[in-house]
């Protein structure tokens, strides 16, 4: 289902109020502006959210009229299903704060992308996992590799 950009919370609240079970995959991302870094929460799939529907029981056509929702993604006359297990896997990788956390899937030697913090959007190689939630990453900077210790939750496979 697609929703209006930046209106995930409104669409989610309105769908919950109607008895639907929506899921918005969220991430933290870093915004640089005027020499300041700000960490914000946003949609991992901008403009999209998932809703559990039973087409025989639910009044799924009412979803399109919900405030904050643009439309259900359709195949012909019916809502398009997601591949089996996809949403469940995303939910399993969501931490207590509602943010996707890919750190449990990372392995030493993997290429990783920093998703949040001062090194946001840099690519590196996972050197080792240190203690609770920390990782040592060799970042590709200035034609070389620079070691940095970064929160594992701020990394995603590249």
C-alpha atoms as a PDB file:
ATOM      1  CA  UNK A   1       0.000   0.000   0.000  1.00  0.00           C
ATOM      2  CA  UNK A   2       1.357   3.444  -0.764  1.00  0.00           C
ATOM      3  CA  UNK A   3       0.850   6.401   1.521  1.00  0.00           C
ATOM      4  CA  UNK A   4       1.449  10.100   1.237  1.00  0.00           C
ATOM      5  CA  UNK A   5       5.141  10.925   1.800  1.00  0.00           C
ATOM      6  CA  UNK A   6       5.935  11.881   5.392  1.00  0.00           C
ATOM      7  CA  UNK A   7       2.460  10.843   6.575  1.00  0.00           C
ATOM      8  CA  UNK A   8       3.307   7.341   7.800  1.00  0.00           C
ATOM      9  CA  UNK A   9       2.264   8.073  11.379  1.00  0.00           C
ATOM     10  CA  UNK A  10      -1.095   9.531  10.323  1.00  0.00           C
ATOM     11  CA  UNK A  11      -1.871   6.654   7.960  1.00  0.00           C
ATOM     12  CA  UNK A  12      -0.767   4.078  10.552  1.00  0.00           C
ATOM     13  CA  UNK A  13      -2.880   5.610  13.347  1.00  0.00           C
ATOM     14  CA  UNK A  14      -5.965   5.841  11.137  1.00  0.00           C
ATOM     15  CA  UNK A  15      -5.603   2.239   9.933  1.00  0.00           C
ATOM     16  CA  UNK A  16      -5.174   1.010  13.525  1.00  0.00           C
ATOM     17  CA  UNK A  17      -8.314   2.921  14.515  1.00  0.00           C
ATOM     18  CA  UNK A  18     -10.214   1.007  11.803  1.00  0.00           C
ATOM     19  CA  UNK A  19      -8.966  -2.370  13.085  1.00  0.00           C
ATOM     20  CA  UNK A  20      -6.282  -3.030  10.442  1.00  0.00           C
ATOM     21  CA  UNK A  21      -2.746  -4.163  11.314  1.00  0.00           C
ATOM     22  CA  UNK A  22      -0.297  -1.877   9.484  1.00  0.00           C
ATOM     23  CA  UNK A  23       3.496  -2.147   9.581  1.00  0.00           C
ATOM     24  CA  UNK A  24       5.853   0.668   8.614  1.00  0.00           C
ATOM     25  CA  UNK A  25       9.505  -0.313   8.219  1.00  0.00           C
ATOM     26  CA  UNK A  26      11.439   2.580   9.786  1.00  0.00           C
ATOM     27  CA  UNK A  27      15.092   3.550   9.904  1.00  0.00           C
ATOM     28  CA  UNK A  28      17.260   6.245  11.423  1.00  0.00           C
ATOM     29  CA  UNK A  29      19.058   8.476   8.972  1.00  0.00           C
ATOM     30  CA  UNK A  30      21.398  11.425   9.313  1.00  0.00           C
ATOM     31  CA  UNK A  31      20.643  14.807   7.767  1.00  0.00           C
ATOM     32  CA  UNK A  32      23.460  17.297   7.272  1.00  0.00           C
ATOM     33  CA  UNK A  33      22.421  20.936   7.248  1.00  0.00           C
ATOM     34  CA  UNK A  34      24.380  24.085   8.059  1.00  0.00           C
ATOM     35  CA  UNK A  35      27.321  22.094   9.474  1.00  0.00           C
ATOM     36  CA  UNK A  36      25.012  20.250  11.878  1.00  0.00           C
ATOM     37  CA  UNK A  37      24.101  16.584  11.938  1.00  0.00           C
ATOM     38  CA  UNK A  38      20.580  15.600  12.908  1.00  0.00           C
ATOM     39  CA  UNK A  39      19.407  12.011  13.277  1.00  0.00           C
ATOM     40  CA  UNK A  40      15.821  11.521  12.157  1.00  0.00           C
ATOM     41  CA  UNK A  41      13.415   8.637  11.967  1.00  0.00           C
ATOM     42  CA  UNK A  42      11.920   7.864   8.580  1.00  0.00           C
ATOM     43  CA  UNK A  43      10.414   5.197   6.395  1.00  0.00           C
ATOM     44  CA  UNK A  44      12.743   2.504   5.036  1.00  0.00           C
ATOM     45  CA  UNK A  45      10.443   2.233   1.992  1.00  0.00           C
ATOM     46  CA  UNK A  46       9.405   5.882   1.493  1.00  0.00           C
ATOM     47  CA  UNK A  47       5.789   6.088   0.393  1.00  0.00           C
ATOM     48  CA  UNK A  48       4.928   2.470   1.307  1.00  0.00           C
ATOM     49  CA  UNK A  49       3.639   0.509   4.282  1.00  0.00           C
ATOM     50  CA  UNK A  50       2.301  -2.997   4.741  1.00  0.00           C
ATOM     51  CA  UNK A  51      -1.195  -3.932   5.936  1.00  0.00           C
ATOM     52  CA  UNK A  52      -2.366  -7.413   6.891  1.00  0.00           C
ATOM     53  CA  UNK A  53      -5.593  -8.106   4.996  1.00  0.00           C
ATOM     54  CA  UNK A  54      -7.989 -11.037   4.835  1.00  0.00           C
ATOM     55  CA  UNK A  55      -9.716 -10.379   1.518  1.00  0.00           C
ATOM     56  CA  UNK A  56     -12.700 -12.569   2.462  1.00  0.00           C
ATOM     57  CA  UNK A  57     -13.321 -10.837   5.793  1.00  0.00           C
ATOM     58  CA  UNK A  58     -11.812  -7.331   5.787  1.00  0.00           C
ATOM     59  CA  UNK A  59     -13.420  -4.311   4.161  1.00  0.00           C
ATOM     60  CA  UNK A  60     -10.143  -3.635   2.362  1.00  0.00           C
ATOM     61  CA  UNK A  61     -11.579  -1.074  -0.063  1.00  0.00           C
ATOM     62  CA  UNK A  62     -11.968   1.360   2.858  1.00  0.00           C
ATOM     63  CA  UNK A  63      -8.164   1.533   3.135  1.00  0.00           C
ATOM     64  CA  UNK A  64      -8.043   3.769   0.032  1.00  0.00           C
ATOM     65  CA  UNK A  65     -10.297   6.297   1.768  1.00  0.00           C
ATOM     66  CA  UNK A  66      -8.136   6.456   4.901  1.00  0.00           C
ATOM     67  CA  UNK A  67      -6.473   9.795   5.655  1.00  0.00           C
ATOM     68  CA  UNK A  68      -2.745   9.575   4.875  1.00  0.00           C
ATOM     69  CA  UNK A  69      -3.158   6.686   2.405  1.00  0.00           C
ATOM     70  CA  UNK A  70      -2.697   7.272  -1.315  1.00  0.00           C
ATOM     71  CA  UNK A  71      -3.808   3.827  -2.544  1.00  0.00           C
ATOM     72  CA  UNK A  72      -3.422   0.097  -2.181  1.00  0.00           C
ATOM     73  CA  UNK A  73      -0.947  -1.443  -4.612  1.00  0.00           C
ATOM     74  CA  UNK A  74      -3.153  -3.587  -6.851  1.00  0.00           C
ATOM     75  CA  UNK A  75      -2.815  -6.443  -9.311  1.00  0.00           C
ATOM     76  CA  UNK A  76      -5.902  -6.169 -11.454  1.00  0.00           C
ATOM     77  CA  UNK A  77      -8.923  -5.851  -9.150  1.00  0.00           C
ATOM     78  CA  UNK A  78      -7.265  -7.212  -5.990  1.00  0.00           C
ATOM     79  CA  UNK A  79      -4.557  -5.979  -3.579  1.00  0.00           C
ATOM     80  CA  UNK A  80      -1.061  -7.211  -4.457  1.00  0.00           C
ATOM     81  CA  UNK A  81       0.268  -9.738  -1.935  1.00  0.00           C
ATOM     82  CA  UNK A  82       3.815  -9.550  -0.560  1.00  0.00           C
ATOM     83  CA  UNK A  83       6.129 -12.530  -0.928  1.00  0.00           C
ATOM     84  CA  UNK A  84       5.497 -15.023   1.894  1.00  0.00           C
ATOM     85  CA  UNK A  85       7.593 -14.273   4.969  1.00  0.00           C
ATOM     86  CA  UNK A  86       8.920 -10.884   3.823  1.00  0.00           C
ATOM     87  CA  UNK A  87       6.985  -8.716   6.272  1.00  0.00           C
ATOM     88  CA  UNK A  88       7.473 -11.225   9.089  1.00  0.00           C
ATOM     89  CA  UNK A  89      11.238 -11.097   8.519  1.00  0.00           C
ATOM     90  CA  UNK A  90      11.193  -7.281   8.599  1.00  0.00           C
ATOM     91  CA  UNK A  91       9.177  -7.350  11.830  1.00  0.00           C
ATOM     92  CA  UNK A  92      11.703  -9.789  13.362  1.00  0.00           C
ATOM     93  CA  UNK A  93      14.537  -7.367  12.497  1.00  0.00           C
ATOM     94  CA  UNK A  94      12.721  -4.418  14.132  1.00  0.00           C
ATOM     95  CA  UNK A  95      14.035  -3.403  17.550  1.00  0.00           C
ATOM     96  CA  UNK A  96      12.019  -2.203  20.562  1.00  0.00           C
ATOM     97  CA  UNK A  97      12.132   1.401  19.259  1.00  0.00           C
ATOM     98  CA  UNK A  98      10.457   0.357  15.982  1.00  0.00           C
ATOM     99  CA  UNK A  99      13.654   0.764  13.927  1.00  0.00           C
ATOM    100  CA  UNK A 100      14.975  -1.875  11.512  1.00  0.00           C
ATOM    101  CA  UNK A 101      18.210  -3.340  12.894  1.00  0.00           C
ATOM    102  CA  UNK A 102      20.265  -5.338  10.392  1.00  0.00           C
ATOM    103  CA  UNK A 103      23.204  -5.888  12.757  1.00  0.00           C
ATOM    104  CA  UNK A 104      22.213  -9.477  13.594  1.00  0.00           C
ATOM    105  CA  UNK A 105      22.720 -10.413   9.919  1.00  0.00           C
ATOM    106  CA  UNK A 106      26.215  -8.891   9.599  1.00  0.00           C
ATOM    107  CA  UNK A 107      29.299 -11.093   9.330  1.00  0.00           C
ATOM    108  CA  UNK A 108      32.978 -10.188   9.596  1.00  0.00           C
ATOM    109  CA  UNK A 109      34.315  -9.355   6.136  1.00  0.00           C
ATOM    110  CA  UNK A 110      30.945  -8.132   4.806  1.00  0.00           C
ATOM    111  CA  UNK A 111      30.736  -4.877   2.860  1.00  0.00           C
ATOM    112  CA  UNK A 112      28.636  -2.481   4.968  1.00  0.00           C
ATOM    113  CA  UNK A 113      27.098   0.962   4.584  1.00  0.00           C
ATOM    114  CA  UNK A 114      26.865   3.356   7.516  1.00  0.00           C
ATOM    115  CA  UNK A 115      23.222   4.466   7.720  1.00  0.00           C
ATOM    116  CA  UNK A 116      23.406   6.994  10.544  1.00  0.00           C
ATOM    117  CA  UNK A 117      25.894   9.214  12.364  1.00  0.00           C
ATOM    118  CA  UNK A 118      28.831  11.331  11.205  1.00  0.00           C
ATOM    119  CA  UNK A 119      29.969   8.649   8.724  1.00  0.00           C
ATOM    120  CA  UNK A 120      26.509   8.268   7.154  1.00  0.00           C
ATOM    121  CA  UNK A 121      26.489   6.821   3.616  1.00  0.00           C
ATOM    122  CA  UNK A 122      30.136   5.740   3.699  1.00  0.00           C
ATOM    123  CA  UNK A 123      30.964   2.208   2.584  1.00  0.00           C
ATOM    124  CA  UNK A 124      33.396  -0.016   4.438  1.00  0.00           C
ATOM    125  CA  UNK A 125      34.256  -3.565   5.430  1.00  0.00           C
ATOM    126  CA  UNK A 126      33.221  -5.085   8.761  1.00  0.00           C
ATOM    127  CA  UNK A 127      36.473  -5.884  10.570  1.00  0.00           C
ATOM    128  CA  UNK A 128      35.047  -7.239  13.834  1.00  0.00           C
ATOM    129  CA  UNK A 129      32.063  -7.128  16.170  1.00  0.00           C
ATOM    130  CA  UNK A 130      33.037  -5.679  19.541  1.00  0.00           C
ATOM    131  CA  UNK A 131      31.064  -6.292  22.714  1.00  0.00           C
ATOM    132  CA  UNK A 132      27.435  -5.312  22.999  1.00  0.00           C
ATOM    133  CA  UNK A 133      26.295  -3.524  19.873  1.00  0.00           C
ATOM    134  CA  UNK A 134      29.643  -2.146  18.672  1.00  0.00           C
ATOM    135  CA  UNK A 135      31.490  -2.915  15.445  1.00  0.00           C
ATOM    136  CA  UNK A 136      34.888  -2.021  14.048  1.00  0.00           C
ATOM    137  CA  UNK A 137      34.578  -0.998  10.410  1.00  0.00           C
ATOM    138  CA  UNK A 138      37.327  -0.242   7.919  1.00  0.00           C
ATOM    139  CA  UNK A 139      35.904   2.727   6.014  1.00  0.00           C
ATOM    140  CA  UNK A 140      37.045   3.543   2.490  1.00  0.00           C
ATOM    141  CA  UNK A 141      38.282   7.132   2.854  1.00  0.00           C
ATOM    142  CA  UNK A 142      40.897   9.030   0.830  1.00  0.00           C
ATOM    143  CA  UNK A 143      42.214   6.034  -1.151  1.00  0.00           C
ATOM    144  CA  UNK A 144      42.716   3.970   1.981  1.00  0.00           C
ATOM    145  CA  UNK A 145      40.970   2.244   4.849  1.00  0.00           C
ATOM    146  CA  UNK A 146      40.399   4.019   8.153  1.00  0.00           C
ATOM    147  CA  UNK A 147      39.258   2.063  11.210  1.00  0.00           C
ATOM    148  CA  UNK A 148      36.206   3.393  13.050  1.00  0.00           C
ATOM    149  CA  UNK A 149      34.136   1.982  15.903  1.00  0.00           C
ATOM    150  CA  UNK A 150      30.448   2.356  15.095  1.00  0.00           C
ATOM    151  CA  UNK A 151      27.222   1.175  16.718  1.00  0.00           C
ATOM    152  CA  UNK A 152      26.231  -2.046  14.922  1.00  0.00           C
ATOM    153  CA  UNK A 153      22.642  -0.801  14.628  1.00  0.00           C
ATOM    154  CA  UNK A 154      23.940   1.995  12.370  1.00  0.00           C
ATOM    155  CA  UNK A 155      25.230  -0.483   9.777  1.00  0.00           C
ATOM    156  CA  UNK A 156      23.512  -2.229   6.880  1.00  0.00           C
ATOM    157  CA  UNK A 157      24.819  -4.647   4.294  1.00  0.00           C
ATOM    158  CA  UNK A 158      26.098  -2.756   1.256  1.00  0.00           C
END
